[in-house]
PDB file of N, CA and C in Angstrom:
ATOM      1  N   MET A   1      27.428  35.898 -36.464  1.00  0.00           N
ATOM      2  CA  MET A   1      26.891  35.011 -35.478  1.00  0.00           C
ATOM      3  C   MET A   1      27.842  34.968 -34.282  1.00  0.00           C
ATOM      4  N   SER A   2      27.387  35.393 -33.158  1.00  0.00           N
ATOM      5  CA  SER A   2      28.257  35.418 -32.001  1.00  0.00           C
ATOM      6  C   SER A   2      27.909  34.273 -31.066  1.00  0.00           C
ATOM      7  N   MET A   3      28.924  33.804 -30.397  1.00  0.00           N
ATOM      8  CA  MET A   3      28.738  32.716 -29.420  1.00  0.00           C
ATOM      9  C   MET A   3      28.399  33.360 -28.083  1.00  0.00           C
ATOM     10  N   HIS A   4      27.250  33.019 -27.574  1.00  0.00           N
ATOM     11  CA  HIS A   4      26.807  33.599 -26.313  1.00  0.00           C
ATOM     12  C   HIS A   4      26.722  32.485 -25.282  1.00  0.00           C
ATOM     13  N   ASN A   5      27.335  32.672 -24.156  1.00  0.00           N
ATOM     14  CA  ASN A   5      27.380  31.663 -23.101  1.00  0.00           C
ATOM     15  C   ASN A   5      26.214  31.909 -22.137  1.00  0.00           C
ATOM     16  N   HIS A   6      25.330  30.915 -22.008  1.00  0.00           N
ATOM     17  CA  HIS A   6      24.177  31.028 -21.106  1.00  0.00           C
ATOM     18  C   HIS A   6      24.414  30.338 -19.764  1.00  0.00           C
ATOM     19  N   SER A   7      25.592  29.831 -19.527  1.00  0.00           N
ATOM     20  CA  SER A   7      25.834  29.067 -18.314  1.00  0.00           C
ATOM     21  C   SER A   7      25.928  29.930 -17.066  1.00  0.00           C
ATOM     22  N   ASN A   8      26.205  31.218 -17.214  1.00  0.00           N
ATOM     23  CA  ASN A   8      26.366  32.041 -16.021  1.00  0.00           C
ATOM     24  C   ASN A   8      25.084  32.766 -15.615  1.00  0.00           C
ATOM     25  N   HIS A   9      23.962  32.552 -16.317  1.00  0.00           N
ATOM     26  CA  HIS A   9      22.698  33.167 -15.925  1.00  0.00           C
ATOM     27  C   HIS A   9      22.087  32.383 -14.769  1.00  0.00           C
ATOM     28  N   ASP A  10      21.505  33.096 -13.846  1.00  0.00           N
ATOM     29  CA  ASP A  10      20.899  32.444 -12.679  1.00  0.00           C
ATOM     30  C   ASP A  10      19.431  32.135 -12.971  1.00  0.00           C
ATOM     31  N   HIS A  11      19.129  30.869 -13.173  1.00  0.00           N
ATOM     32  CA  HIS A  11      17.757  30.400 -13.340  1.00  0.00           C
ATOM     33  C   HIS A  11      17.445  29.486 -12.174  1.00  0.00           C
ATOM     34  N   PRO A  12      16.527  29.885 -11.319  1.00  0.00           N
ATOM     35  CA  PRO A  12      16.217  29.005 -10.175  1.00  0.00           C
ATOM     36  C   PRO A  12      15.617  27.689 -10.666  1.00  0.00           C
ATOM     37  N   GLN A  13      16.125  26.609 -10.163  1.00  0.00           N
ATOM     38  CA  GLN A  13      15.653  25.277 -10.524  1.00  0.00           C
ATOM     39  C   GLN A  13      14.737  24.774  -9.417  1.00  0.00           C
ATOM     40  N   GLY A  14      13.445  24.836  -9.643  1.00  0.00           N
ATOM     41  CA  GLY A  14      12.469  24.346  -8.678  1.00  0.00           C
ATOM     42  C   GLY A  14      11.948  22.991  -9.118  1.00  0.00           C
ATOM     43  N   SER A  15      11.211  22.360  -8.267  1.00  0.00           N
ATOM     44  CA  SER A  15      10.635  21.073  -8.634  1.00  0.00           C
ATOM     45  C   SER A  15       9.387  21.287  -9.478  1.00  0.00           C
ATOM     46  N   PHE A  16       8.956  20.224 -10.117  1.00  0.00           N
ATOM     47  CA  PHE A  16       7.783  20.319 -10.984  1.00  0.00           C
ATOM     48  C   PHE A  16       6.530  20.637 -10.173  1.00  0.00           C
ATOM     49  N   LEU A  17       6.428  20.097  -8.963  1.00  0.00           N
ATOM     50  CA  LEU A  17       5.214  20.272  -8.171  1.00  0.00           C
ATOM     51  C   LEU A  17       5.030  21.706  -7.690  1.00  0.00           C
ATOM     52  N   THR A  18       6.105  22.477  -7.621  1.00  0.00           N
ATOM     53  CA  THR A  18       5.968  23.863  -7.196  1.00  0.00           C
ATOM     54  C   THR A  18       5.812  24.814  -8.382  1.00  0.00           C
ATOM     55  N   SER A  19       5.898  24.285  -9.598  1.00  0.00           N
ATOM     56  CA  SER A  19       5.682  25.129 -10.776  1.00  0.00           C
ATOM     57  C   SER A  19       4.189  25.351 -10.981  1.00  0.00           C
ATOM     58  N   ARG A  20       3.848  26.237 -11.874  1.00  0.00           N
ATOM     59  CA  ARG A  20       2.444  26.546 -12.140  1.00  0.00           C
ATOM     60  C   ARG A  20       1.717  25.316 -12.688  1.00  0.00           C
ATOM     61  N   ALA A  21       2.348  24.597 -13.607  1.00  0.00           N
ATOM     62  CA  ALA A  21       1.717  23.401 -14.177  1.00  0.00           C
ATOM     63  C   ALA A  21       1.561  22.304 -13.119  1.00  0.00           C
ATOM     64  N   GLY A  22       2.527  22.188 -12.239  1.00  0.00           N
ATOM     65  CA  GLY A  22       2.434  21.189 -11.174  1.00  0.00           C
ATOM     66  C   GLY A  22       1.309  21.486 -10.202  1.00  0.00           C
ATOM     67  N   LEU A  23       1.135  22.760  -9.871  1.00  0.00           N
ATOM     68  CA  LEU A  23       0.050  23.134  -8.964  1.00  0.00           C
ATOM     69  C   LEU A  23      -1.316  22.902  -9.599  1.00  0.00           C
ATOM     70  N   VAL A  24      -1.423  23.166 -10.896  1.00  0.00           N
ATOM     71  CA  VAL A  24      -2.679  22.897 -11.601  1.00  0.00           C
ATOM     72  C   VAL A  24      -2.956  21.397 -11.617  1.00  0.00           C
ATOM     73  N   LEU A  25      -1.916  20.602 -11.865  1.00  0.00           N
ATOM     74  CA  LEU A  25      -2.080  19.144 -11.861  1.00  0.00           C
ATOM     75  C   LEU A  25      -2.502  18.637 -10.479  1.00  0.00           C
ATOM     76  N   LEU A  26      -1.899  19.166  -9.419  1.00  0.00           N
ATOM     77  CA  LEU A  26      -2.301  18.786  -8.065  1.00  0.00           C
ATOM     78  C   LEU A  26      -3.746  19.178  -7.777  1.00  0.00           C
ATOM     79  N   GLY A  27      -4.164  20.336  -8.290  1.00  0.00           N
ATOM     80  CA  GLY A  27      -5.561  20.760  -8.130  1.00  0.00           C
ATOM     81  C   GLY A  27      -6.520  19.807  -8.823  1.00  0.00           C
ATOM     82  N   PHE A  28      -6.175  19.385 -10.056  1.00  0.00           N
ATOM     83  CA  PHE A  28      -7.021  18.424 -10.768  1.00  0.00           C
ATOM     84  C   PHE A  28      -7.093  17.093 -10.030  1.00  0.00           C
ATOM     85  N   PHE A  29      -5.966  16.642  -9.490  1.00  0.00           N
ATOM     86  CA  PHE A  29      -5.966  15.385  -8.722  1.00  0.00           C
ATOM     87  C   PHE A  29      -6.827  15.508  -7.473  1.00  0.00           C
ATOM     88  N   ALA A  30      -6.764  16.651  -6.793  1.00  0.00           N
ATOM     89  CA  ALA A  30      -7.567  16.842  -5.585  1.00  0.00           C
ATOM     90  C   ALA A  30      -9.059  16.853  -5.915  1.00  0.00           C
ATOM     91  N   ILE A  31      -9.436  17.537  -6.985  1.00  0.00           N
ATOM     92  CA  ILE A  31     -10.847  17.573  -7.387  1.00  0.00           C
ATOM     93  C   ILE A  31     -11.310  16.192  -7.819  1.00  0.00           C
ATOM     94  N   GLY A  32     -10.481  15.502  -8.602  1.00  0.00           N
ATOM     95  CA  GLY A  32     -10.839  14.156  -9.052  1.00  0.00           C
ATOM     96  C   GLY A  32     -10.962  13.175  -7.896  1.00  0.00           C
ATOM     97  N   GLY A  33     -10.057  13.262  -6.931  1.00  0.00           N
ATOM     98  CA  GLY A  33     -10.144  12.384  -5.765  1.00  0.00           C
ATOM     99  C   GLY A  33     -11.383  12.653  -4.939  1.00  0.00           C
ATOM    100  N   PHE A  34     -11.725  13.904  -4.778  1.00  0.00           N
ATOM    101  CA  PHE A  34     -12.936  14.254  -4.034  1.00  0.00           C
ATOM    102  C   PHE A  34     -14.182  13.711  -4.736  1.00  0.00           C
ATOM    103  N   LEU A  35     -14.253  13.898  -6.059  1.00  0.00           N
ATOM    104  CA  LEU A  35     -15.412  13.406  -6.799  1.00  0.00           C
ATOM    105  C   LEU A  35     -15.497  11.880  -6.784  1.00  0.00           C
ATOM    106  N   LEU A  36     -14.359  11.209  -6.897  1.00  0.00           N
ATOM    107  CA  LEU A  36     -14.369   9.747  -6.818  1.00  0.00           C
ATOM    108  C   LEU A  36     -14.853   9.274  -5.454  1.00  0.00           C
ATOM    109  N   PHE A  37     -14.388   9.944  -4.399  1.00  0.00           N
ATOM    110  CA  PHE A  37     -14.801   9.542  -3.056  1.00  0.00           C
ATOM    111  C   PHE A  37     -16.295   9.761  -2.840  1.00  0.00           C
ATOM    112  N   THR A  38     -16.798  10.918  -3.244  1.00  0.00           N
ATOM    113  CA  THR A  38     -18.208  11.203  -2.981  1.00  0.00           C
ATOM    114  C   THR A  38     -19.134  10.347  -3.827  1.00  0.00           C
ATOM    115  N   GLU A  39     -18.761  10.028  -5.052  1.00  0.00           N
ATOM    116  CA  GLU A  39     -19.638   9.241  -5.923  1.00  0.00           C
ATOM    117  C   GLU A  39     -19.588   7.746  -5.609  1.00  0.00           C
ATOM    118  N   HIS A  40     -18.480   7.263  -5.083  1.00  0.00           N
ATOM    119  CA  HIS A  40     -18.326   5.822  -4.851  1.00  0.00           C
ATOM    120  C   HIS A  40     -18.250   5.472  -3.370  1.00  0.00           C
ATOM    121  N   ARG A  41     -18.662   6.393  -2.519  1.00  0.00           N
ATOM    122  CA  ARG A  41     -18.590   6.175  -1.076  1.00  0.00           C
ATOM    123  C   ARG A  41     -19.438   4.978  -0.645  1.00  0.00           C
ATOM    124  N   ALA A  42     -20.614   4.809  -1.200  1.00  0.00           N
ATOM    125  CA  ALA A  42     -21.492   3.701  -0.808  1.00  0.00           C
ATOM    126  C   ALA A  42     -20.876   2.359  -1.181  1.00  0.00           C
ATOM    127  N   HIS A  43     -20.215   2.294  -2.320  1.00  0.00           N
ATOM    128  CA  HIS A  43     -19.591   1.039  -2.735  1.00  0.00           C
ATOM    129  C   HIS A  43     -18.414   0.690  -1.830  1.00  0.00           C
ATOM    130  N   VAL A  44     -17.605   1.677  -1.519  1.00  0.00           N
ATOM    131  CA  VAL A  44     -16.421   1.433  -0.693  1.00  0.00           C
ATOM    132  C   VAL A  44     -16.824   1.073   0.727  1.00  0.00           C
ATOM    133  N   LEU A  45     -17.757   1.812   1.309  1.00  0.00           N
ATOM    134  CA  LEU A  45     -18.172   1.523   2.676  1.00  0.00           C
ATOM    135  C   LEU A  45     -18.940   0.216   2.766  1.00  0.00           C
ATOM    136  N   GLY A  46     -19.645  -0.172   1.696  1.00  0.00           N
ATOM    137  CA  GLY A  46     -20.324  -1.461   1.683  1.00  0.00           C
ATOM    138  C   GLY A  46     -19.354  -2.622   1.636  1.00  0.00           C
ATOM    139  N   ALA A  47     -18.202  -2.420   1.041  1.00  0.00           N
ATOM    140  CA  ALA A  47     -17.201  -3.487   0.950  1.00  0.00           C
ATOM    141  C   ALA A  47     -16.402  -3.628   2.244  1.00  0.00           C
ATOM    142  N   LEU A  48     -16.441  -2.635   3.108  1.00  0.00           N
ATOM    143  CA  LEU A  48     -15.693  -2.721   4.369  1.00  0.00           C
ATOM    144  C   LEU A  48     -16.201  -3.862   5.249  1.00  0.00           C
ATOM    145  N   PHE A  49     -17.466  -4.226   5.108  1.00  0.00           N
ATOM    146  CA  PHE A  49     -18.033  -5.310   5.903  1.00  0.00           C
ATOM    147  C   PHE A  49     -17.299  -6.631   5.641  1.00  0.00           C
ATOM    148  N   TYR A  50     -16.852  -6.836   4.410  1.00  0.00           N
ATOM    149  CA  TYR A  50     -16.205  -8.096   4.041  1.00  0.00           C
ATOM    150  C   TYR A  50     -14.708  -8.105   4.340  1.00  0.00           C
ATOM    151  N   LEU A  51     -14.136  -6.970   4.667  1.00  0.00           N
ATOM    152  CA  LEU A  51     -12.702  -6.922   4.913  1.00  0.00           C
ATOM    153  C   LEU A  51     -12.298  -7.600   6.212  1.00  0.00           C
ATOM    154  N   LEU A  52     -13.127  -7.575   7.236  1.00  0.00           N
ATOM    155  CA  LEU A  52     -12.786  -8.219   8.494  1.00  0.00           C
ATOM    156  C   LEU A  52     -12.699  -9.740   8.346  1.00  0.00           C
ATOM    157  N   PRO A  53     -13.699 -10.430   7.797  1.00  0.00           N
ATOM    158  CA  PRO A  53     -13.539 -11.880   7.626  1.00  0.00           C
ATOM    159  C   PRO A  53     -12.414 -12.243   6.668  1.00  0.00           C
ATOM    160  N   LEU A  54     -12.253 -11.494   5.587  1.00  0.00           N
ATOM    161  CA  LEU A  54     -11.158 -11.787   4.662  1.00  0.00           C
ATOM    162  C   LEU A  54      -9.805 -11.557   5.325  1.00  0.00           C
ATOM    163  N   GLY A  55      -9.714 -10.518   6.127  1.00  0.00           N
ATOM    164  CA  GLY A  55      -8.467 -10.266   6.843  1.00  0.00           C
ATOM    165  C   GLY A  55      -8.130 -11.379   7.806  1.00  0.00           C
ATOM    166  N   CYS A  56      -9.134 -11.931   8.484  1.00  0.00           N
ATOM    167  CA  CYS A  56      -8.886 -13.042   9.406  1.00  0.00           C
ATOM    168  C   CYS A  56      -8.400 -14.278   8.665  1.00  0.00           C
ATOM    169  N   VAL A  57      -9.019 -14.568   7.527  1.00  0.00           N
ATOM    170  CA  VAL A  57      -8.622 -15.747   6.748  1.00  0.00           C
ATOM    171  C   VAL A  57      -7.203 -15.590   6.221  1.00  0.00           C
ATOM    172  N   PHE A  58      -6.900 -14.435   5.657  1.00  0.00           N
ATOM    173  CA  PHE A  58      -5.559 -14.228   5.115  1.00  0.00           C
ATOM    174  C   PHE A  58      -4.508 -14.238   6.216  1.00  0.00           C
ATOM    175  N   MET A  59      -4.808 -13.660   7.362  1.00  0.00           N
ATOM    176  CA  MET A  59      -3.843 -13.683   8.460  1.00  0.00           C
ATOM    177  C   MET A  59      -3.626 -15.092   8.960  1.00  0.00           C
ATOM    178  N   HIS A  60      -4.655 -15.928   8.955  1.00  0.00           N
ATOM    179  CA  HIS A  60      -4.489 -17.303   9.402  1.00  0.00           C
ATOM    180  C   HIS A  60      -3.579 -18.069   8.440  1.00  0.00           C
ATOM    181  N   PHE A  61      -3.804 -17.895   7.147  1.00  0.00           N
ATOM    182  CA  PHE A  61      -3.002 -18.640   6.178  1.00  0.00           C
ATOM    183  C   PHE A  61      -1.567 -18.148   6.096  1.00  0.00           C
ATOM    184  N   PHE A  62      -1.357 -16.849   6.131  1.00  0.00           N
ATOM    185  CA  PHE A  62      -0.026 -16.311   5.896  1.00  0.00           C
ATOM    186  C   PHE A  62       0.774 -16.058   7.162  1.00  0.00           C
ATOM    187  N   MET A  63       0.134 -15.975   8.316  1.00  0.00           N
ATOM    188  CA  MET A  63       0.862 -15.646   9.531  1.00  0.00           C
ATOM    189  C   MET A  63       0.784 -16.750  10.582  1.00  0.00           C
ATOM    190  N   HIS A  64       0.141 -17.843  10.293  1.00  0.00           N
ATOM    191  CA  HIS A  64      -0.072 -18.866  11.306  1.00  0.00           C
ATOM    192  C   HIS A  64       1.218 -19.562  11.692  1.00  0.00           C
ATOM    193  N   GLY A  65       2.171 -19.687  10.792  1.00  0.00           N
ATOM    194  CA  GLY A  65       3.425 -20.356  11.108  1.00  0.00           C
ATOM    195  C   GLY A  65       4.345 -19.525  11.972  1.00  0.00           C
ATOM    196  N   GLY A  66       4.023 -18.287  12.228  1.00  0.00           N
ATOM    197  CA  GLY A  66       4.898 -17.401  12.963  1.00  0.00           C
ATOM    198  C   GLY A  66       4.935 -17.641  14.459  1.00  0.00           C
ATOM    199  N   HIS A  67       4.021 -18.414  15.029  1.00  0.00           N
ATOM    200  CA  HIS A  67       4.032 -18.599  16.476  1.00  0.00           C
ATOM    201  C   HIS A  67       4.231 -20.059  16.867  1.00  0.00           C
ATOM    202  N   GLY A  68       4.999 -20.792  16.073  1.00  0.00           N
ATOM    203  CA  GLY A  68       5.411 -22.131  16.461  1.00  0.00           C
ATOM    204  C   GLY A  68       4.472 -23.244  16.067  1.00  0.00           C
ATOM    205  N   HIS A  69       3.470 -22.984  15.260  1.00  0.00           N
ATOM    206  CA  HIS A  69       2.545 -24.024  14.859  1.00  0.00           C
ATOM    207  C   HIS A  69       2.725 -24.406  13.399  1.00  0.00           C
ATOM    208  N   GLY A  70       3.861 -24.134  12.828  1.00  0.00           N
ATOM    209  CA  GLY A  70       4.091 -24.469  11.431  1.00  0.00           C
ATOM    210  C   GLY A  70       4.194 -25.974  11.247  1.00  0.00           C
ATOM    211  N   GLY A  71       3.759 -26.486  10.133  1.00  0.00           N
ATOM    212  CA  GLY A  71       3.864 -27.908   9.828  1.00  0.00           C
ATOM    213  C   GLY A  71       2.878 -28.748  10.604  1.00  0.00           C
ATOM    214  N   HIS A  72       1.608 -28.522  10.433  1.00  0.00           N
ATOM    215  CA  HIS A  72       0.588 -29.312  11.100  1.00  0.00           C
ATOM    216  C   HIS A  72       0.538 -30.696  10.466  1.00  0.00           C
ATOM    217  N   GLY A  73       1.345 -31.591  10.926  1.00  0.00           N
ATOM    218  CA  GLY A  73       1.349 -32.946  10.392  1.00  0.00           C
ATOM    219  C   GLY A  73       0.685 -33.911  11.368  1.00  0.00           C
ATOM    220  N   ASP A  74       0.684 -35.185  11.016  1.00  0.00           N
ATOM    221  CA  ASP A  74       0.095 -36.212  11.870  1.00  0.00           C
ATOM    222  C   ASP A  74       1.130 -36.613  12.909  1.00  0.00           C
ATOM    223  N   HIS A  75       0.887 -36.266  14.164  1.00  0.00           N
ATOM    224  CA  HIS A  75       1.840 -36.517  15.238  1.00  0.00           C
ATOM    225  C   HIS A  75       1.457 -37.732  16.073  1.00  0.00           C
ATOM    226  N   ARG A  76       0.515 -38.554  15.621  1.00  0.00           N
ATOM    227  CA  ARG A  76       0.083 -39.696  16.426  1.00  0.00           C
ATOM    228  C   ARG A  76       1.130 -40.801  16.470  1.00  0.00           C
ATOM    229  N   ASN A  77       1.926 -40.965  15.434  1.00  0.00           N
ATOM    230  CA  ASN A  77       2.911 -42.042  15.388  1.00  0.00           C
ATOM    231  C   ASN A  77       4.237 -41.642  16.006  1.00  0.00           C
ATOM    232  N   GLN A  78       4.399 -40.424  16.414  1.00  0.00           N
ATOM    233  CA  GLN A  78       5.639 -39.976  17.015  1.00  0.00           C
ATOM    234  C   GLN A  78       5.540 -40.115  18.526  1.00  0.00           C
ATOM    235  N   PRO A  79       6.657 -40.534  19.174  1.00  0.00           N
ATOM    236  CA  PRO A  79       6.604 -40.667  20.644  1.00  0.00           C
ATOM    237  C   PRO A  79       6.463 -39.319  21.325  1.00  0.00           C
ATOM    238  N   ASP A  80       5.744 -39.325  22.422  1.00  0.00           N
ATOM    239  CA  ASP A  80       5.550 -38.111  23.203  1.00  0.00           C
ATOM    240  C   ASP A  80       6.830 -37.834  23.975  1.00  0.00           C
ATOM    241  N   GLU A  81       7.277 -36.580  23.989  1.00  0.00           N
ATOM    242  CA  GLU A  81       8.523 -36.222  24.671  1.00  0.00           C
ATOM    243  C   GLU A  81       8.373 -36.346  26.192  1.00  0.00           C
ATOM    244  N   ARG A  82       7.167 -36.151  26.698  1.00  0.00           N
ATOM    245  CA  ARG A  82       6.959 -36.243  28.137  1.00  0.00           C
ATOM    246  C   ARG A  82       6.887 -37.710  28.581  1.00  0.00           C
ATOM    247  N   ASN A  83       6.354 -38.575  27.737  1.00  0.00           N
ATOM    248  CA  ASN A  83       6.206 -39.979  28.069  1.00  0.00           C
ATOM    249  C   ASN A  83       6.913 -40.812  26.991  1.00  0.00           C
ATOM    250  N   PRO A  84       8.169 -41.195  27.208  1.00  0.00           N
ATOM    251  CA  PRO A  84       8.940 -41.877  26.157  1.00  0.00           C
ATOM    252  C   PRO A  84       8.465 -43.309  25.883  1.00  0.00           C
ATOM    253  N   LEU A  85       7.520 -43.855  26.599  1.00  0.00           N
ATOM    254  CA  LEU A  85       7.085 -45.238  26.367  1.00  0.00           C
ATOM    255  C   LEU A  85       6.243 -45.310  25.199  1.00  0.00           C
TER     256      LEU A  85
END
């Protein structure tokens, strides 16, 4: 039994995506994505109608404090800065 050193052999180390199995996997993902898009296009495009109102509501709730209107409290009992009386 002889000891053989394999450390000096040149084996190119490529990424998984450039290997044969990686390219096949990318092909399956591309075909699957195309089929999902074509079969469910009506559902996705039908839901786009509701994204504009939902986007407005979410932006109002989550971004409204960003322009100086945070803390909408009752300001009737506080003195006006312009009229100290």
